[in-house]
Amino acid sequence: MGENKESEIALAAQAGDLDRVKAAVKAEFPNIEQHILSGAPPPLALRLIINRTQCWVESDDKGDWPWHTLTPAAKAAHCGSAEVLEYLLKLGADPFLRGCYDEDVYLSANTAVNHEPFMRQ
């Protein structure tokens, strides 16, 4: 596993920009209009695009630890954009995927375990 960049869908969702999200989805999944009109369940390829996160790996003597940012749907919810969130959910966004809210993975990990932040020394 290596590091990757944040997707345009995620960046647009974080900004709460529905038009930009739609354009980014269409750029990666050109048949999006046909899919929406068909009413069919979202195909796997679309769900993978919609739920993509940025990943980075930290290593120590015990192994490799992959970390993921928030999904585009979580970013939309976090910024308060209900219309972007609704659109992503209709396209197959998984509301149960979890990621790190904070770039400081130690803080995120400790918060997840202890439910309260701590100061790293």
N, C-alpha and C. Protein backbone atom coordinates (compact mmCIF):
# COMPACT_ATOMS: atom_id res chain seq x y z
N MET A 1 0.83 -1.18 0.00
CA MET A 1 0.00 0.00 0.00
C MET A 1 0.87 1.25 0.00
N GLY A 2 0.50 2.19 -0.79
CA GLY A 2 1.21 3.45 -0.80
C GLY A 2 0.23 4.59 -0.61
N GLU A 3 0.78 5.77 -0.55
CA GLU A 3 -0.08 6.93 -0.40
C GLU A 3 -0.75 7.28 -1.72
N ASN A 4 -1.89 7.86 -1.66
CA ASN A 4 -2.59 8.32 -2.85
C ASN A 4 -3.20 9.68 -2.58
N LYS A 5 -3.67 10.31 -3.62
CA LYS A 5 -4.24 11.65 -3.48
C LYS A 5 -5.72 11.58 -3.18
N GLU A 6 -6.21 12.64 -2.57
CA GLU A 6 -7.64 12.77 -2.31
C GLU A 6 -8.36 12.91 -3.65
N SER A 7 -9.48 12.23 -3.82
CA SER A 7 -10.22 12.29 -5.07
C SER A 7 -10.91 13.63 -5.23
N GLU A 8 -11.19 13.99 -6.47
CA GLU A 8 -11.92 15.23 -6.75
C GLU A 8 -13.32 15.16 -6.14
N ILE A 9 -13.91 13.98 -6.12
CA ILE A 9 -15.23 13.82 -5.51
C ILE A 9 -15.17 14.19 -4.03
N ALA A 10 -14.13 13.70 -3.35
CA ALA A 10 -13.98 13.99 -1.92
C ALA A 10 -13.74 15.48 -1.68
N LEU A 11 -12.90 16.09 -2.50
CA LEU A 11 -12.62 17.52 -2.34
C LEU A 11 -13.88 18.35 -2.57
N ALA A 12 -14.66 17.98 -3.59
CA ALA A 12 -15.89 18.71 -3.90
C ALA A 12 -16.93 18.50 -2.79
N ALA A 13 -17.01 17.27 -2.27
CA ALA A 13 -17.95 16.98 -1.18
C ALA A 13 -17.57 17.78 0.07
N GLN A 14 -16.29 17.87 0.34
CA GLN A 14 -15.83 18.62 1.51
C GLN A 14 -16.17 20.10 1.37
N ALA A 15 -16.17 20.59 0.13
CA ALA A 15 -16.53 21.99 -0.12
C ALA A 15 -18.04 22.19 -0.14
N GLY A 16 -18.81 21.09 -0.18
CA GLY A 16 -20.27 21.19 -0.23
C GLY A 16 -20.78 21.65 -1.58
N ASP A 17 -20.03 21.39 -2.64
CA ASP A 17 -20.34 21.88 -3.99
C ASP A 17 -20.97 20.75 -4.81
N LEU A 18 -22.29 20.71 -4.87
CA LEU A 18 -23.00 19.63 -5.55
C LEU A 18 -22.68 19.58 -7.04
N ASP A 19 -22.63 20.72 -7.71
CA ASP A 19 -22.32 20.71 -9.15
C ASP A 19 -20.94 20.13 -9.41
N ARG A 20 -20.00 20.49 -8.58
CA ARG A 20 -18.63 19.97 -8.73
C ARG A 20 -18.58 18.47 -8.44
N VAL A 21 -19.35 18.01 -7.44
CA VAL A 21 -19.43 16.58 -7.14
C VAL A 21 -19.99 15.84 -8.35
N LYS A 22 -21.08 16.35 -8.91
CA LYS A 22 -21.69 15.70 -10.07
C LYS A 22 -20.72 15.64 -11.25
N ALA A 23 -20.00 16.71 -11.49
CA ALA A 23 -19.02 16.73 -12.59
C ALA A 23 -17.89 15.73 -12.33
N ALA A 24 -17.44 15.64 -11.08
CA ALA A 24 -16.37 14.71 -10.75
C ALA A 24 -16.83 13.26 -10.89
N VAL A 25 -18.07 12.98 -10.48
CA VAL A 25 -18.61 11.63 -10.63
C VAL A 25 -18.72 11.29 -12.11
N LYS A 26 -19.24 12.23 -12.91
CA LYS A 26 -19.39 11.98 -14.34
C LYS A 26 -18.04 11.77 -15.02
N ALA A 27 -17.01 12.47 -14.57
CA ALA A 27 -15.67 12.30 -15.14
C ALA A 27 -15.14 10.88 -14.90
N GLU A 28 -15.50 10.29 -13.76
CA GLU A 28 -15.02 8.94 -13.44
C GLU A 28 -16.00 7.84 -13.84
N PHE A 29 -17.27 8.18 -13.98
CA PHE A 29 -18.30 7.21 -14.33
C PHE A 29 -19.22 7.86 -15.36
N PRO A 30 -18.78 7.87 -16.64
CA PRO A 30 -19.49 8.62 -17.68
C PRO A 30 -20.96 8.24 -17.88
N ASN A 31 -21.36 7.03 -17.53
CA ASN A 31 -22.74 6.59 -17.73
C ASN A 31 -23.64 6.92 -16.55
N ILE A 32 -23.28 7.89 -15.75
CA ILE A 32 -24.02 8.16 -14.53
C ILE A 32 -25.48 8.54 -14.78
N GLU A 33 -25.75 9.34 -15.82
CA GLU A 33 -27.14 9.74 -16.09
C GLU A 33 -28.01 8.52 -16.41
N GLN A 34 -27.50 7.62 -17.23
CA GLN A 34 -28.26 6.41 -17.58
C GLN A 34 -28.52 5.57 -16.33
N HIS A 35 -27.52 5.50 -15.46
CA HIS A 35 -27.70 4.72 -14.24
C HIS A 35 -28.80 5.34 -13.36
N ILE A 36 -28.75 6.64 -13.18
CA ILE A 36 -29.74 7.31 -12.33
C ILE A 36 -31.14 7.13 -12.90
N LEU A 37 -31.29 7.28 -14.22
CA LEU A 37 -32.60 7.13 -14.85
C LEU A 37 -33.12 5.70 -14.79
N SER A 38 -32.22 4.73 -14.81
CA SER A 38 -32.65 3.32 -14.81
C SER A 38 -33.25 2.90 -13.48
N GLY A 39 -32.83 3.55 -12.39
CA GLY A 39 -33.33 3.17 -11.07
C GLY A 39 -32.73 1.88 -10.56
N ALA A 40 -31.75 1.33 -11.27
CA ALA A 40 -31.10 0.09 -10.86
C ALA A 40 -30.20 0.33 -9.65
N PRO A 41 -29.94 -0.71 -8.88
CA PRO A 41 -29.00 -0.55 -7.76
C PRO A 41 -27.62 -0.11 -8.28
N PRO A 42 -26.88 0.62 -7.48
CA PRO A 42 -25.57 1.10 -7.95
C PRO A 42 -24.62 -0.06 -8.24
N PRO A 43 -23.96 -0.04 -9.39
CA PRO A 43 -22.99 -1.10 -9.68
C PRO A 43 -21.75 -0.96 -8.80
N LEU A 44 -21.02 -2.05 -8.66
CA LEU A 44 -19.83 -2.07 -7.81
C LEU A 44 -18.83 -1.00 -8.22
N ALA A 45 -18.61 -0.83 -9.52
CA ALA A 45 -17.63 0.17 -9.98
C ALA A 45 -17.99 1.56 -9.48
N LEU A 46 -19.26 1.90 -9.50
CA LEU A 46 -19.70 3.21 -9.02
C LEU A 46 -19.53 3.32 -7.51
N ARG A 47 -19.89 2.27 -6.79
CA ARG A 47 -19.75 2.30 -5.33
C ARG A 47 -18.29 2.46 -4.91
N LEU A 48 -17.38 1.83 -5.65
CA LEU A 48 -15.95 1.96 -5.36
C LEU A 48 -15.48 3.40 -5.58
N ILE A 49 -15.97 4.03 -6.63
CA ILE A 49 -15.60 5.42 -6.92
C ILE A 49 -16.15 6.35 -5.83
N ILE A 50 -17.38 6.15 -5.45
CA ILE A 50 -18.06 7.02 -4.48
C ILE A 50 -17.46 6.89 -3.08
N ASN A 51 -16.98 5.72 -2.73
CA ASN A 51 -16.48 5.47 -1.38
C ASN A 51 -14.95 5.55 -1.26
N ARG A 52 -14.28 5.99 -2.30
CA ARG A 52 -12.82 6.04 -2.29
C ARG A 52 -12.31 7.05 -1.25
N THR A 53 -11.25 6.66 -0.54
CA THR A 53 -10.62 7.53 0.44
C THR A 53 -9.14 7.67 0.12
N GLN A 54 -8.54 8.67 0.71
CA GLN A 54 -7.09 8.79 0.63
C GLN A 54 -6.52 7.86 1.67
N CYS A 55 -5.47 7.16 1.32
CA CYS A 55 -4.86 6.20 2.24
C CYS A 55 -3.38 6.51 2.39
N TRP A 56 -2.89 6.39 3.60
CA TRP A 56 -1.45 6.45 3.82
C TRP A 56 -1.09 5.38 4.82
N VAL A 57 0.19 5.00 4.83
CA VAL A 57 0.64 3.90 5.67
C VAL A 57 1.77 4.37 6.57
N GLU A 58 1.63 4.06 7.82
CA GLU A 58 2.72 4.29 8.78
C GLU A 58 3.28 2.94 9.16
N SER A 59 4.59 2.89 9.30
CA SER A 59 5.25 1.63 9.63
C SER A 59 6.06 1.77 10.90
N ASP A 60 6.10 0.69 11.64
CA ASP A 60 6.99 0.61 12.79
C ASP A 60 7.49 -0.82 12.89
N ASP A 61 8.17 -1.14 13.98
CA ASP A 61 8.74 -2.48 14.11
C ASP A 61 7.68 -3.58 14.24
N LYS A 62 6.43 -3.21 14.50
CA LYS A 62 5.36 -4.19 14.64
C LYS A 62 4.59 -4.42 13.35
N GLY A 63 4.79 -3.56 12.36
CA GLY A 63 4.10 -3.76 11.09
C GLY A 63 3.70 -2.46 10.43
N ASP A 64 2.86 -2.59 9.42
CA ASP A 64 2.35 -1.45 8.68
C ASP A 64 0.93 -1.15 9.15
N TRP A 65 0.62 0.14 9.24
CA TRP A 65 -0.69 0.57 9.71
C TRP A 65 -1.32 1.48 8.68
N PRO A 66 -2.28 0.97 7.91
CA PRO A 66 -2.94 1.84 6.91
C PRO A 66 -3.99 2.74 7.57
N TRP A 67 -4.07 3.97 7.12
CA TRP A 67 -5.05 4.94 7.62
C TRP A 67 -5.79 5.51 6.43
N HIS A 68 -7.06 5.79 6.61
CA HIS A 68 -7.90 6.35 5.55
C HIS A 68 -8.54 7.64 6.02
N THR A 69 -8.67 8.59 5.09
CA THR A 69 -9.40 9.81 5.40
C THR A 69 -10.89 9.50 5.40
N LEU A 70 -11.69 10.48 5.69
CA LEU A 70 -13.14 10.31 5.64
C LEU A 70 -13.59 10.09 4.20
N THR A 71 -14.68 9.38 4.04
CA THR A 71 -15.26 9.17 2.71
C THR A 71 -15.88 10.49 2.23
N PRO A 72 -16.14 10.60 0.93
CA PRO A 72 -16.83 11.80 0.45
C PRO A 72 -18.16 12.05 1.16
N ALA A 73 -18.92 11.00 1.45
CA ALA A 73 -20.20 11.17 2.15
C ALA A 73 -19.97 11.72 3.55
N ALA A 74 -18.99 11.21 4.25
CA ALA A 74 -18.70 11.70 5.60
C ALA A 74 -18.22 13.15 5.55
N LYS A 75 -17.44 13.49 4.53
CA LYS A 75 -16.98 14.88 4.38
C LYS A 75 -18.17 15.81 4.13
N ALA A 76 -19.13 15.36 3.30
CA ALA A 76 -20.32 16.17 3.03
C ALA A 76 -21.13 16.35 4.31
N ALA A 77 -21.28 15.29 5.08
CA ALA A 77 -22.02 15.38 6.34
C ALA A 77 -21.30 16.30 7.32
N HIS A 78 -20.00 16.18 7.37
CA HIS A 78 -19.22 16.99 8.31
C HIS A 78 -19.32 18.47 7.99
N CYS A 79 -19.39 18.82 6.69
CA CYS A 79 -19.48 20.24 6.33
C CYS A 79 -20.93 20.72 6.30
N GLY A 80 -21.88 19.81 6.53
CA GLY A 80 -23.28 20.20 6.62
C GLY A 80 -24.00 20.30 5.30
N SER A 81 -23.48 19.64 4.26
CA SER A 81 -24.11 19.71 2.95
C SER A 81 -25.05 18.52 2.74
N ALA A 82 -26.30 18.70 3.12
CA ALA A 82 -27.29 17.62 3.01
C ALA A 82 -27.53 17.22 1.56
N GLU A 83 -27.52 18.19 0.64
CA GLU A 83 -27.79 17.86 -0.76
C GLU A 83 -26.67 17.01 -1.36
N VAL A 84 -25.42 17.30 -1.02
CA VAL A 84 -24.31 16.48 -1.51
C VAL A 84 -24.39 15.09 -0.88
N LEU A 85 -24.66 15.03 0.41
CA LEU A 85 -24.77 13.75 1.10
C LEU A 85 -25.88 12.91 0.50
N GLU A 86 -27.04 13.50 0.27
CA GLU A 86 -28.17 12.76 -0.32
C GLU A 86 -27.81 12.21 -1.70
N TYR A 87 -27.16 13.03 -2.52
CA TYR A 87 -26.74 12.61 -3.86
C TYR A 87 -25.78 11.43 -3.77
N LEU A 88 -24.79 11.51 -2.90
CA LEU A 88 -23.80 10.43 -2.78
C LEU A 88 -24.45 9.15 -2.25
N LEU A 89 -25.38 9.27 -1.32
CA LEU A 89 -26.06 8.09 -0.81
C LEU A 89 -26.88 7.42 -1.90
N LYS A 90 -27.53 8.21 -2.76
CA LYS A 90 -28.29 7.64 -3.87
C LYS A 90 -27.40 6.89 -4.84
N LEU A 91 -26.13 7.30 -4.92
CA LEU A 91 -25.20 6.65 -5.84
C LEU A 91 -24.48 5.45 -5.21
N GLY A 92 -24.78 5.16 -3.95
CA GLY A 92 -24.19 3.97 -3.33
C GLY A 92 -23.14 4.26 -2.28
N ALA A 93 -23.07 5.49 -1.78
CA ALA A 93 -22.13 5.78 -0.70
C ALA A 93 -22.48 4.95 0.52
N ASP A 94 -21.48 4.41 1.17
CA ASP A 94 -21.69 3.60 2.37
C ASP A 94 -21.58 4.50 3.60
N PRO A 95 -22.68 4.73 4.31
CA PRO A 95 -22.63 5.62 5.47
C PRO A 95 -21.92 5.02 6.68
N PHE A 96 -21.54 3.76 6.60
CA PHE A 96 -20.93 3.09 7.74
C PHE A 96 -19.42 2.97 7.66
N LEU A 97 -18.81 3.40 6.54
CA LEU A 97 -17.35 3.36 6.44
C LEU A 97 -16.76 4.41 7.36
N ARG A 98 -15.66 4.08 8.02
CA ARG A 98 -15.04 5.00 8.96
C ARG A 98 -13.66 5.38 8.47
N GLY A 99 -13.24 6.55 8.85
CA GLY A 99 -11.91 7.02 8.52
C GLY A 99 -11.43 7.98 9.59
N CYS A 100 -10.28 8.54 9.37
CA CYS A 100 -9.70 9.49 10.31
C CYS A 100 -10.14 10.89 9.95
N TYR A 101 -10.72 11.58 10.90
CA TYR A 101 -11.11 12.96 10.67
C TYR A 101 -9.90 13.87 10.66
N ASP A 102 -8.92 13.55 11.49
CA ASP A 102 -7.78 14.41 11.71
C ASP A 102 -6.56 13.85 10.99
N GLU A 103 -5.71 14.72 10.46
CA GLU A 103 -4.47 14.28 9.84
C GLU A 103 -3.52 13.63 10.85
N ASP A 104 -3.71 13.93 12.13
CA ASP A 104 -2.89 13.34 13.18
C ASP A 104 -3.49 11.98 13.52
N VAL A 105 -2.93 10.93 12.93
CA VAL A 105 -3.50 9.60 13.11
C VAL A 105 -3.40 9.11 14.54
N TYR A 106 -2.40 9.57 15.27
CA TYR A 106 -2.29 9.17 16.67
C TYR A 106 -3.47 9.72 17.48
N LEU A 107 -3.81 10.97 17.23
CA LEU A 107 -4.95 11.57 17.90
C LEU A 107 -6.23 10.85 17.50
N SER A 108 -6.41 10.56 16.22
CA SER A 108 -7.61 9.86 15.76
C SER A 108 -7.71 8.47 16.37
N ALA A 109 -6.60 7.75 16.42
CA ALA A 109 -6.61 6.39 16.98
C ALA A 109 -6.93 6.43 18.46
N ASN A 110 -6.31 7.33 19.17
CA ASN A 110 -6.56 7.41 20.61
C ASN A 110 -7.99 7.85 20.90
N THR A 111 -8.50 8.79 20.10
CA THR A 111 -9.87 9.25 20.28
C THR A 111 -10.85 8.09 20.05
N ALA A 112 -10.57 7.28 19.04
CA ALA A 112 -11.44 6.14 18.73
C ALA A 112 -11.44 5.13 19.87
N VAL A 113 -10.29 4.92 20.49
CA VAL A 113 -10.17 3.94 21.56
C VAL A 113 -10.70 4.49 22.88
N ASN A 114 -10.32 5.69 23.21
CA ASN A 114 -10.64 6.26 24.53
C ASN A 114 -11.80 7.25 24.52
N HIS A 115 -12.27 7.61 23.36
CA HIS A 115 -13.36 8.57 23.22
C HIS A 115 -13.03 9.95 23.79
N GLU A 116 -11.75 10.24 23.91
CA GLU A 116 -11.35 11.58 24.33
C GLU A 116 -9.95 11.84 23.77
N PRO A 117 -9.69 13.04 23.34
CA PRO A 117 -8.37 13.35 22.77
C PRO A 117 -7.28 13.38 23.84
N PHE A 118 -6.07 13.20 23.41
CA PHE A 118 -4.94 13.29 24.31
C PHE A 118 -3.85 14.12 23.65
N MET A 119 -2.92 14.56 24.43
CA MET A 119 -1.80 15.34 23.90
C MET A 119 -0.63 14.41 23.67
N ARG A 120 -0.11 14.40 22.48
CA ARG A 120 1.07 13.59 22.17
C ARG A 120 2.31 14.29 22.69
N GLN A 121 3.20 13.55 23.31
CA GLN A 121 4.43 14.18 23.84
C GLN A 121 5.57 14.04 22.87
